[in-house]
Amino acid sequence: MVEAYRTVPAHPTDDVVERARGADAITFTSSSTVTNYLTAAGVDAVPPVVVCIGPVTADTARQHGIAVTVVAEPHTIAGLVGALVSTLGT
């Protein structure tokens, strides 16, 4: 069995982009999520806290002019959630 996935860019409504802009934080799980989010919403819609799953994703965000708040350790979804919770507090 071969496991694979396909990244499909989203096309959010203006309302969704506006709500994202007002969020406390955003998480990025891959370089493609950074690129696709910026294509769909723009850099102005990036909330103040940016949490990336790993260093490659963080580098992609930085290349687009985004200040990365924290990189998850370990580089897993659980690590991403932990980094987000630690950064925002409980």
N, C-alpha and C. Protein backbone atom coordinates (compact mmCIF):
# COMPACT_ATOMS: atom_id res chain seq x y z
N MET A 1 0.84 -1.16 0.00
CA MET A 1 0.00 0.00 0.00
C MET A 1 0.89 1.24 0.00
N VAL A 2 0.51 2.22 -0.78
CA VAL A 2 1.23 3.47 -0.85
C VAL A 2 0.34 4.56 -0.26
N GLU A 3 0.87 5.28 0.71
CA GLU A 3 0.13 6.40 1.28
C GLU A 3 0.62 7.68 0.63
N ALA A 4 -0.30 8.50 0.23
CA ALA A 4 0.05 9.78 -0.40
C ALA A 4 -1.04 10.79 -0.10
N TYR A 5 -0.70 12.03 -0.29
CA TYR A 5 -1.70 13.07 -0.14
C TYR A 5 -1.46 14.12 -1.20
N ARG A 6 -2.48 14.92 -1.41
CA ARG A 6 -2.40 15.99 -2.40
C ARG A 6 -2.78 17.28 -1.69
N THR A 7 -1.97 18.29 -1.85
CA THR A 7 -2.27 19.59 -1.29
C THR A 7 -3.09 20.38 -2.29
N VAL A 8 -4.26 20.82 -1.87
CA VAL A 8 -5.15 21.57 -2.74
C VAL A 8 -5.34 22.95 -2.12
N PRO A 9 -4.99 24.00 -2.86
CA PRO A 9 -5.16 25.35 -2.32
C PRO A 9 -6.62 25.66 -2.01
N ALA A 10 -6.83 26.37 -0.92
CA ALA A 10 -8.17 26.79 -0.53
C ALA A 10 -8.51 28.12 -1.19
N HIS A 11 -9.77 28.41 -1.23
CA HIS A 11 -10.26 29.68 -1.77
C HIS A 11 -11.22 30.28 -0.75
N PRO A 12 -10.66 30.84 0.34
CA PRO A 12 -11.52 31.34 1.41
C PRO A 12 -12.30 32.58 0.99
N THR A 13 -13.45 32.74 1.61
CA THR A 13 -14.25 33.93 1.38
C THR A 13 -13.58 35.12 2.09
N ASP A 14 -13.99 36.30 1.75
CA ASP A 14 -13.46 37.50 2.40
C ASP A 14 -13.71 37.46 3.91
N ASP A 15 -14.87 36.92 4.31
CA ASP A 15 -15.19 36.81 5.73
C ASP A 15 -14.22 35.89 6.46
N VAL A 16 -13.88 34.78 5.84
CA VAL A 16 -12.95 33.84 6.46
C VAL A 16 -11.56 34.48 6.58
N VAL A 17 -11.12 35.19 5.55
CA VAL A 17 -9.82 35.87 5.60
C VAL A 17 -9.83 36.91 6.72
N GLU A 18 -10.91 37.63 6.85
CA GLU A 18 -11.00 38.66 7.89
C GLU A 18 -10.95 38.04 9.29
N ARG A 19 -11.61 36.91 9.47
CA ARG A 19 -11.56 36.22 10.76
C ARG A 19 -10.17 35.68 11.04
N ALA A 20 -9.49 35.19 10.02
CA ALA A 20 -8.11 34.71 10.19
C ALA A 20 -7.20 35.85 10.60
N ARG A 21 -7.39 36.99 9.99
CA ARG A 21 -6.59 38.18 10.30
C ARG A 21 -6.73 38.55 11.78
N GLY A 22 -7.90 38.33 12.35
CA GLY A 22 -8.15 38.67 13.74
C GLY A 22 -7.81 37.58 14.74
N ALA A 23 -7.31 36.44 14.27
CA ALA A 23 -6.98 35.32 15.16
C ALA A 23 -5.76 35.66 16.02
N ASP A 24 -5.63 34.96 17.11
CA ASP A 24 -4.47 35.13 18.00
C ASP A 24 -3.21 34.49 17.40
N ALA A 25 -3.41 33.41 16.66
CA ALA A 25 -2.25 32.65 16.16
C ALA A 25 -2.63 31.88 14.90
N ILE A 26 -1.59 31.45 14.21
CA ILE A 26 -1.76 30.56 13.06
C ILE A 26 -0.70 29.48 13.15
N THR A 27 -1.05 28.28 12.70
CA THR A 27 -0.08 27.19 12.64
C THR A 27 0.12 26.81 11.19
N PHE A 28 1.36 26.49 10.86
CA PHE A 28 1.69 26.01 9.53
C PHE A 28 2.31 24.63 9.67
N THR A 29 1.78 23.67 8.91
CA THR A 29 2.23 22.28 9.01
C THR A 29 3.16 21.86 7.88
N SER A 30 3.33 22.74 6.89
CA SER A 30 4.24 22.43 5.79
C SER A 30 4.53 23.71 5.02
N SER A 31 5.55 23.65 4.19
CA SER A 31 5.86 24.81 3.35
C SER A 31 4.71 25.14 2.42
N SER A 32 4.03 24.12 1.93
CA SER A 32 2.90 24.38 1.01
C SER A 32 1.76 25.08 1.74
N THR A 33 1.57 24.83 3.03
CA THR A 33 0.51 25.54 3.75
C THR A 33 0.86 27.02 3.88
N VAL A 34 2.12 27.33 4.05
CA VAL A 34 2.55 28.73 4.09
C VAL A 34 2.26 29.39 2.75
N THR A 35 2.75 28.79 1.69
CA THR A 35 2.60 29.35 0.35
C THR A 35 1.13 29.48 -0.05
N ASN A 36 0.37 28.43 0.18
CA ASN A 36 -1.05 28.46 -0.21
C ASN A 36 -1.85 29.45 0.63
N TYR A 37 -1.55 29.54 1.91
CA TYR A 37 -2.25 30.52 2.76
C TYR A 37 -1.96 31.94 2.28
N LEU A 38 -0.70 32.22 2.01
CA LEU A 38 -0.35 33.56 1.56
C LEU A 38 -0.96 33.88 0.20
N THR A 39 -1.04 32.90 -0.68
CA THR A 39 -1.68 33.10 -1.98
C THR A 39 -3.17 33.41 -1.80
N ALA A 40 -3.80 32.72 -0.88
CA ALA A 40 -5.24 32.88 -0.67
C ALA A 40 -5.59 34.11 0.15
N ALA A 41 -4.78 34.41 1.17
CA ALA A 41 -5.17 35.44 2.13
C ALA A 41 -4.24 36.65 2.15
N GLY A 42 -2.98 36.45 1.80
CA GLY A 42 -2.01 37.54 1.83
C GLY A 42 -1.29 37.63 3.17
N VAL A 43 -0.14 38.25 3.15
CA VAL A 43 0.68 38.35 4.34
C VAL A 43 0.02 39.22 5.41
N ASP A 44 -0.85 40.13 5.01
CA ASP A 44 -1.55 40.98 5.98
C ASP A 44 -2.54 40.20 6.83
N ALA A 45 -2.89 39.01 6.40
CA ALA A 45 -3.84 38.17 7.14
C ALA A 45 -3.14 37.18 8.06
N VAL A 46 -1.86 37.36 8.29
CA VAL A 46 -1.12 36.48 9.19
C VAL A 46 -1.23 37.04 10.61
N PRO A 47 -1.80 36.27 11.54
CA PRO A 47 -1.91 36.73 12.92
C PRO A 47 -0.53 36.96 13.55
N PRO A 48 -0.50 37.59 14.73
CA PRO A 48 0.77 37.94 15.34
C PRO A 48 1.63 36.77 15.81
N VAL A 49 1.01 35.65 16.15
CA VAL A 49 1.76 34.48 16.61
C VAL A 49 1.76 33.44 15.50
N VAL A 50 2.96 33.02 15.10
CA VAL A 50 3.12 32.05 14.03
C VAL A 50 3.88 30.85 14.58
N VAL A 51 3.26 29.68 14.50
CA VAL A 51 3.86 28.44 15.00
C VAL A 51 4.03 27.50 13.81
N CYS A 52 5.25 27.03 13.60
CA CYS A 52 5.55 26.12 12.48
C CYS A 52 5.92 24.75 13.01
N ILE A 53 5.59 23.73 12.23
CA ILE A 53 5.83 22.35 12.65
C ILE A 53 7.31 21.99 12.63
N GLY A 54 8.09 22.65 11.79
CA GLY A 54 9.50 22.31 11.71
C GLY A 54 10.31 23.41 11.06
N PRO A 55 11.63 23.21 11.02
CA PRO A 55 12.51 24.25 10.51
C PRO A 55 12.36 24.55 9.01
N VAL A 56 12.02 23.57 8.21
CA VAL A 56 11.84 23.82 6.78
C VAL A 56 10.62 24.72 6.57
N THR A 57 9.55 24.42 7.26
CA THR A 57 8.34 25.25 7.18
C THR A 57 8.62 26.65 7.70
N ALA A 58 9.35 26.75 8.79
CA ALA A 58 9.71 28.06 9.34
C ALA A 58 10.57 28.86 8.36
N ASP A 59 11.50 28.20 7.70
CA ASP A 59 12.33 28.89 6.70
C ASP A 59 11.48 29.42 5.55
N THR A 60 10.50 28.65 5.11
CA THR A 60 9.61 29.11 4.05
C THR A 60 8.83 30.34 4.50
N ALA A 61 8.33 30.31 5.71
CA ALA A 61 7.59 31.46 6.24
C ALA A 61 8.50 32.69 6.29
N ARG A 62 9.70 32.52 6.78
CA ARG A 62 10.64 33.64 6.87
C ARG A 62 10.99 34.19 5.49
N GLN A 63 11.12 33.32 4.51
CA GLN A 63 11.42 33.75 3.14
C GLN A 63 10.30 34.63 2.57
N HIS A 64 9.11 34.48 3.12
CA HIS A 64 7.97 35.29 2.71
C HIS A 64 7.79 36.51 3.62
N GLY A 65 8.75 36.76 4.49
CA GLY A 65 8.69 37.93 5.35
C GLY A 65 7.87 37.77 6.61
N ILE A 66 7.59 36.53 6.99
CA ILE A 66 6.80 36.26 8.18
C ILE A 66 7.73 35.99 9.36
N ALA A 67 7.48 36.66 10.46
CA ALA A 67 8.23 36.41 11.69
C ALA A 67 7.65 35.16 12.36
N VAL A 68 8.48 34.16 12.54
CA VAL A 68 8.05 32.90 13.16
C VAL A 68 8.26 33.02 14.66
N THR A 69 7.22 32.77 15.41
CA THR A 69 7.26 32.88 16.86
C THR A 69 7.95 31.67 17.49
N VAL A 70 7.59 30.48 17.02
CA VAL A 70 8.13 29.25 17.60
C VAL A 70 8.06 28.12 16.57
N VAL A 71 9.03 27.22 16.67
CA VAL A 71 9.07 26.00 15.86
C VAL A 71 8.84 24.82 16.80
N ALA A 72 7.92 23.96 16.42
CA ALA A 72 7.57 22.81 17.27
C ALA A 72 8.75 21.89 17.49
N GLU A 73 8.79 21.32 18.66
CA GLU A 73 9.79 20.30 19.01
C GLU A 73 9.10 19.30 19.92
N PRO A 74 8.88 18.10 19.50
CA PRO A 74 9.30 17.49 18.24
C PRO A 74 8.46 18.02 17.07
N HIS A 75 8.90 17.72 15.87
CA HIS A 75 8.26 18.21 14.65
C HIS A 75 7.10 17.30 14.25
N THR A 76 6.10 17.29 15.11
CA THR A 76 4.90 16.47 14.92
C THR A 76 3.68 17.33 15.22
N ILE A 77 2.50 16.81 14.93
CA ILE A 77 1.28 17.55 15.26
C ILE A 77 1.19 17.75 16.77
N ALA A 78 1.53 16.72 17.54
CA ALA A 78 1.51 16.87 19.00
C ALA A 78 2.50 17.95 19.44
N GLY A 79 3.67 17.99 18.82
CA GLY A 79 4.65 19.02 19.14
C GLY A 79 4.15 20.40 18.75
N LEU A 80 3.44 20.49 17.62
CA LEU A 80 2.87 21.76 17.16
C LEU A 80 1.83 22.26 18.16
N VAL A 81 0.95 21.38 18.59
CA VAL A 81 -0.07 21.75 19.57
C VAL A 81 0.60 22.19 20.88
N GLY A 82 1.60 21.44 21.31
CA GLY A 82 2.30 21.80 22.54
C GLY A 82 2.97 23.15 22.44
N ALA A 83 3.59 23.43 21.31
CA ALA A 83 4.24 24.74 21.11
C ALA A 83 3.22 25.86 21.10
N LEU A 84 2.08 25.62 20.49
CA LEU A 84 1.01 26.62 20.46
C LEU A 84 0.49 26.90 21.85
N VAL A 85 0.21 25.85 22.60
CA VAL A 85 -0.30 26.01 23.96
C VAL A 85 0.72 26.71 24.84
N SER A 86 1.98 26.32 24.74
CA SER A 86 3.03 26.97 25.54
C SER A 86 3.18 28.44 25.19
N THR A 87 3.03 28.76 23.94
CA THR A 87 3.19 30.14 23.49
C THR A 87 2.03 31.01 23.91
N LEU A 88 0.81 30.49 23.78
CA LEU A 88 -0.37 31.28 24.11
C LEU A 88 -0.75 31.21 25.57
N GLY A 89 -0.22 30.21 26.28
CA GLY A 89 -0.60 30.01 27.68
C GLY A 89 -1.90 29.22 27.74
N THR A 90 -2.32 28.96 28.95
CA THR A 90 -3.55 28.15 29.10
C THR A 90 -4.72 28.98 29.48
